[in-house]
Amino acid sequence: MTKEAILEKIKISFVKVLEHSKFELKEETTAHDVDGWESVTHMMIITDIENSFNIKFKLMDLMNMNNVGNLIECIQKELSN
């Protein structure tokens, strides 16, 4: 799956959980860039992404995610397993 396709699919999870689409999701995007992306909503977004891709992130991967690009890399890694 391409990075672009993954980005489009994860944006659906962000919009669903945050209940707005007033943000641009790029590889450099962090929680500071998106209104409402806080610790609780972060876990809700991660859970929704895991469900939509039918994957389960490893704790270490979650701890090392600093931006959307890291999230995409983790999804690609899990999809290749």
N, C-alpha and C. Protein backbone atom coordinates (compact mmCIF):
# COMPACT_ATOMS: atom_id res chain seq x y z
N MET A 1 0.86 -1.18 0.00
CA MET A 1 0.00 0.00 0.00
C MET A 1 0.90 1.24 0.00
N THR A 2 0.58 2.21 -0.85
CA THR A 2 1.41 3.41 -0.95
C THR A 2 1.20 4.32 0.27
N LYS A 3 2.18 5.21 0.49
CA LYS A 3 2.06 6.18 1.58
C LYS A 3 0.83 7.06 1.39
N GLU A 4 0.58 7.43 0.13
CA GLU A 4 -0.56 8.29 -0.17
C GLU A 4 -1.89 7.60 0.17
N ALA A 5 -2.00 6.32 -0.17
CA ALA A 5 -3.22 5.56 0.12
C ALA A 5 -3.41 5.41 1.62
N ILE A 6 -2.33 5.15 2.33
CA ILE A 6 -2.40 5.03 3.80
C ILE A 6 -2.81 6.37 4.40
N LEU A 7 -2.23 7.46 3.91
CA LEU A 7 -2.55 8.79 4.43
C LEU A 7 -4.03 9.11 4.25
N GLU A 8 -4.58 8.78 3.10
CA GLU A 8 -6.01 9.00 2.86
C GLU A 8 -6.86 8.19 3.82
N LYS A 9 -6.47 6.96 4.06
CA LYS A 9 -7.24 6.08 4.94
C LYS A 9 -7.14 6.52 6.40
N ILE A 10 -5.96 6.97 6.85
CA ILE A 10 -5.85 7.41 8.25
C ILE A 10 -6.55 8.74 8.47
N LYS A 11 -6.64 9.56 7.42
CA LYS A 11 -7.35 10.83 7.58
C LYS A 11 -8.81 10.57 7.95
N ILE A 12 -9.38 9.49 7.41
CA ILE A 12 -10.77 9.12 7.75
C ILE A 12 -10.89 8.89 9.25
N SER A 13 -9.91 8.20 9.84
CA SER A 13 -9.93 7.95 11.29
C SER A 13 -9.81 9.24 12.07
N PHE A 14 -8.93 10.14 11.64
CA PHE A 14 -8.77 11.42 12.32
C PHE A 14 -10.07 12.22 12.31
N VAL A 15 -10.70 12.31 11.13
CA VAL A 15 -11.95 13.08 11.01
C VAL A 15 -13.04 12.46 11.86
N LYS A 16 -13.12 11.13 11.85
CA LYS A 16 -14.14 10.42 12.62
C LYS A 16 -13.99 10.68 14.12
N VAL A 17 -12.78 10.57 14.63
CA VAL A 17 -12.53 10.73 16.07
C VAL A 17 -12.60 12.20 16.48
N LEU A 18 -11.98 13.08 15.71
CA LEU A 18 -11.91 14.49 16.09
C LEU A 18 -13.17 15.27 15.73
N GLU A 19 -13.99 14.68 14.86
CA GLU A 19 -15.26 15.27 14.44
C GLU A 19 -15.09 16.61 13.73
N HIS A 20 -13.97 16.77 13.01
CA HIS A 20 -13.77 17.93 12.14
C HIS A 20 -12.67 17.60 11.14
N SER A 21 -12.61 18.38 10.09
CA SER A 21 -11.58 18.15 9.07
C SER A 21 -10.79 19.42 8.78
N LYS A 22 -10.69 20.27 9.80
CA LYS A 22 -10.00 21.55 9.65
C LYS A 22 -8.50 21.38 9.92
N PHE A 23 -7.88 20.47 9.17
CA PHE A 23 -6.44 20.25 9.32
C PHE A 23 -5.91 19.63 8.04
N GLU A 24 -4.62 19.80 7.84
CA GLU A 24 -3.95 19.17 6.71
C GLU A 24 -3.06 18.08 7.28
N LEU A 25 -3.26 16.87 6.81
CA LEU A 25 -2.49 15.74 7.30
C LEU A 25 -1.34 15.47 6.33
N LYS A 26 -0.11 15.72 6.82
CA LYS A 26 1.10 15.47 6.04
C LYS A 26 2.03 14.63 6.90
N GLU A 27 3.10 14.14 6.30
CA GLU A 27 4.04 13.30 7.07
C GLU A 27 4.64 14.06 8.26
N GLU A 28 4.79 15.36 8.13
CA GLU A 28 5.40 16.17 9.20
C GLU A 28 4.41 16.55 10.29
N THR A 29 3.12 16.30 10.08
CA THR A 29 2.08 16.73 11.02
C THR A 29 2.25 16.04 12.38
N THR A 30 2.15 16.86 13.44
CA THR A 30 2.20 16.34 14.81
C THR A 30 0.91 16.74 15.53
N ALA A 31 0.76 16.24 16.74
CA ALA A 31 -0.43 16.56 17.54
C ALA A 31 -0.57 18.07 17.76
N HIS A 32 0.53 18.79 17.81
CA HIS A 32 0.48 20.25 18.01
C HIS A 32 -0.16 20.98 16.83
N ASP A 33 -0.19 20.32 15.66
CA ASP A 33 -0.71 20.94 14.45
C ASP A 33 -2.22 20.74 14.26
N VAL A 34 -2.83 19.86 15.04
CA VAL A 34 -4.23 19.49 14.82
C VAL A 34 -5.05 19.75 16.08
N ASP A 35 -6.05 20.62 15.93
CA ASP A 35 -6.92 20.96 17.05
C ASP A 35 -7.68 19.73 17.54
N GLY A 36 -7.57 19.43 18.82
CA GLY A 36 -8.29 18.31 19.41
C GLY A 36 -7.50 17.01 19.49
N TRP A 37 -6.31 16.98 18.89
CA TRP A 37 -5.48 15.77 18.93
C TRP A 37 -4.69 15.80 20.24
N GLU A 38 -5.24 15.15 21.24
CA GLU A 38 -4.65 15.11 22.58
C GLU A 38 -4.45 13.66 22.97
N SER A 39 -4.03 13.40 24.19
CA SER A 39 -3.69 12.03 24.59
C SER A 39 -4.85 11.06 24.47
N VAL A 40 -6.03 11.44 24.89
CA VAL A 40 -7.19 10.54 24.83
C VAL A 40 -7.61 10.31 23.38
N THR A 41 -7.72 11.41 22.62
CA THR A 41 -8.12 11.25 21.22
C THR A 41 -7.03 10.53 20.43
N HIS A 42 -5.78 10.67 20.83
CA HIS A 42 -4.69 9.95 20.16
C HIS A 42 -4.93 8.44 20.24
N MET A 43 -5.26 7.95 21.41
CA MET A 43 -5.49 6.52 21.56
C MET A 43 -6.74 6.08 20.80
N MET A 44 -7.75 6.93 20.74
CA MET A 44 -8.95 6.61 19.96
C MET A 44 -8.62 6.54 18.47
N ILE A 45 -7.79 7.47 18.00
CA ILE A 45 -7.36 7.47 16.60
C ILE A 45 -6.56 6.21 16.29
N ILE A 46 -5.62 5.86 17.18
CA ILE A 46 -4.78 4.67 16.99
C ILE A 46 -5.66 3.42 16.93
N THR A 47 -6.62 3.31 17.83
CA THR A 47 -7.52 2.15 17.86
C THR A 47 -8.33 2.07 16.57
N ASP A 48 -8.84 3.21 16.10
CA ASP A 48 -9.61 3.22 14.87
C ASP A 48 -8.74 2.83 13.67
N ILE A 49 -7.50 3.30 13.65
CA ILE A 49 -6.57 2.95 12.57
C ILE A 49 -6.25 1.46 12.61
N GLU A 50 -6.01 0.93 13.80
CA GLU A 50 -5.75 -0.51 13.93
C GLU A 50 -6.92 -1.32 13.38
N ASN A 51 -8.13 -0.89 13.71
CA ASN A 51 -9.33 -1.60 13.23
C ASN A 51 -9.48 -1.48 11.71
N SER A 52 -9.25 -0.29 11.17
CA SER A 52 -9.47 -0.11 9.74
C SER A 52 -8.43 -0.83 8.89
N PHE A 53 -7.21 -0.99 9.41
CA PHE A 53 -6.16 -1.71 8.68
C PHE A 53 -6.05 -3.18 9.13
N ASN A 54 -6.81 -3.53 10.15
CA ASN A 54 -6.75 -4.89 10.73
C ASN A 54 -5.32 -5.25 11.16
N ILE A 55 -4.73 -4.32 11.94
CA ILE A 55 -3.37 -4.51 12.46
C ILE A 55 -3.36 -4.21 13.95
N LYS A 56 -2.25 -4.50 14.61
CA LYS A 56 -2.07 -4.16 16.02
C LYS A 56 -0.65 -3.61 16.17
N PHE A 57 -0.55 -2.37 16.62
CA PHE A 57 0.77 -1.76 16.81
C PHE A 57 1.46 -2.33 18.03
N LYS A 58 2.77 -2.40 17.96
CA LYS A 58 3.57 -2.79 19.12
C LYS A 58 3.76 -1.56 20.00
N LEU A 59 3.83 -1.78 21.31
CA LEU A 59 3.98 -0.68 22.26
C LEU A 59 5.19 0.19 21.93
N MET A 60 6.30 -0.44 21.59
CA MET A 60 7.52 0.31 21.29
C MET A 60 7.32 1.22 20.07
N ASP A 61 6.58 0.72 19.07
CA ASP A 61 6.30 1.55 17.90
C ASP A 61 5.45 2.75 18.29
N LEU A 62 4.46 2.54 19.13
CA LEU A 62 3.60 3.64 19.58
C LEU A 62 4.42 4.69 20.32
N MET A 63 5.36 4.25 21.13
CA MET A 63 6.16 5.18 21.92
C MET A 63 7.13 5.99 21.04
N ASN A 64 7.48 5.45 19.88
CA ASN A 64 8.43 6.12 19.00
C ASN A 64 7.78 6.95 17.90
N MET A 65 6.45 7.03 17.90
CA MET A 65 5.75 7.83 16.89
C MET A 65 5.81 9.30 17.28
N ASN A 66 6.41 10.10 16.40
CA ASN A 66 6.51 11.53 16.66
C ASN A 66 5.68 12.37 15.70
N ASN A 67 5.29 11.76 14.57
CA ASN A 67 4.50 12.49 13.58
C ASN A 67 3.74 11.50 12.70
N VAL A 68 2.98 12.02 11.78
CA VAL A 68 2.17 11.17 10.91
C VAL A 68 3.05 10.28 10.03
N GLY A 69 4.22 10.78 9.64
CA GLY A 69 5.14 9.98 8.85
C GLY A 69 5.56 8.71 9.57
N ASN A 70 5.85 8.83 10.87
CA ASN A 70 6.19 7.65 11.68
C ASN A 70 5.02 6.68 11.74
N LEU A 71 3.81 7.22 11.84
CA LEU A 71 2.60 6.40 11.87
C LEU A 71 2.47 5.62 10.57
N ILE A 72 2.67 6.29 9.45
CA ILE A 72 2.59 5.63 8.14
C ILE A 72 3.62 4.51 8.03
N GLU A 73 4.85 4.78 8.48
CA GLU A 73 5.91 3.76 8.44
C GLU A 73 5.53 2.54 9.27
N CYS A 74 4.95 2.76 10.44
CA CYS A 74 4.53 1.64 11.29
C CYS A 74 3.42 0.84 10.63
N ILE A 75 2.49 1.53 9.99
CA ILE A 75 1.40 0.83 9.29
C ILE A 75 1.98 -0.02 8.17
N GLN A 76 2.89 0.55 7.39
CA GLN A 76 3.51 -0.21 6.30
C GLN A 76 4.23 -1.44 6.83
N LYS A 77 4.93 -1.27 7.96
CA LYS A 77 5.66 -2.39 8.57
C LYS A 77 4.70 -3.50 9.01
N GLU A 78 3.59 -3.10 9.65
CA GLU A 78 2.62 -4.09 10.12
C GLU A 78 1.91 -4.77 8.94
N LEU A 79 1.65 -4.05 7.88
CA LEU A 79 0.98 -4.63 6.73
C LEU A 79 1.89 -5.63 5.99
N SER A 80 3.19 -5.44 6.11
CA SER A 80 4.12 -6.34 5.42
C SER A 80 4.39 -7.61 6.21
N ASN A 81 3.96 -7.65 7.47
CA ASN A 81 4.18 -8.85 8.31
C ASN A 81 3.20 -9.94 7.97
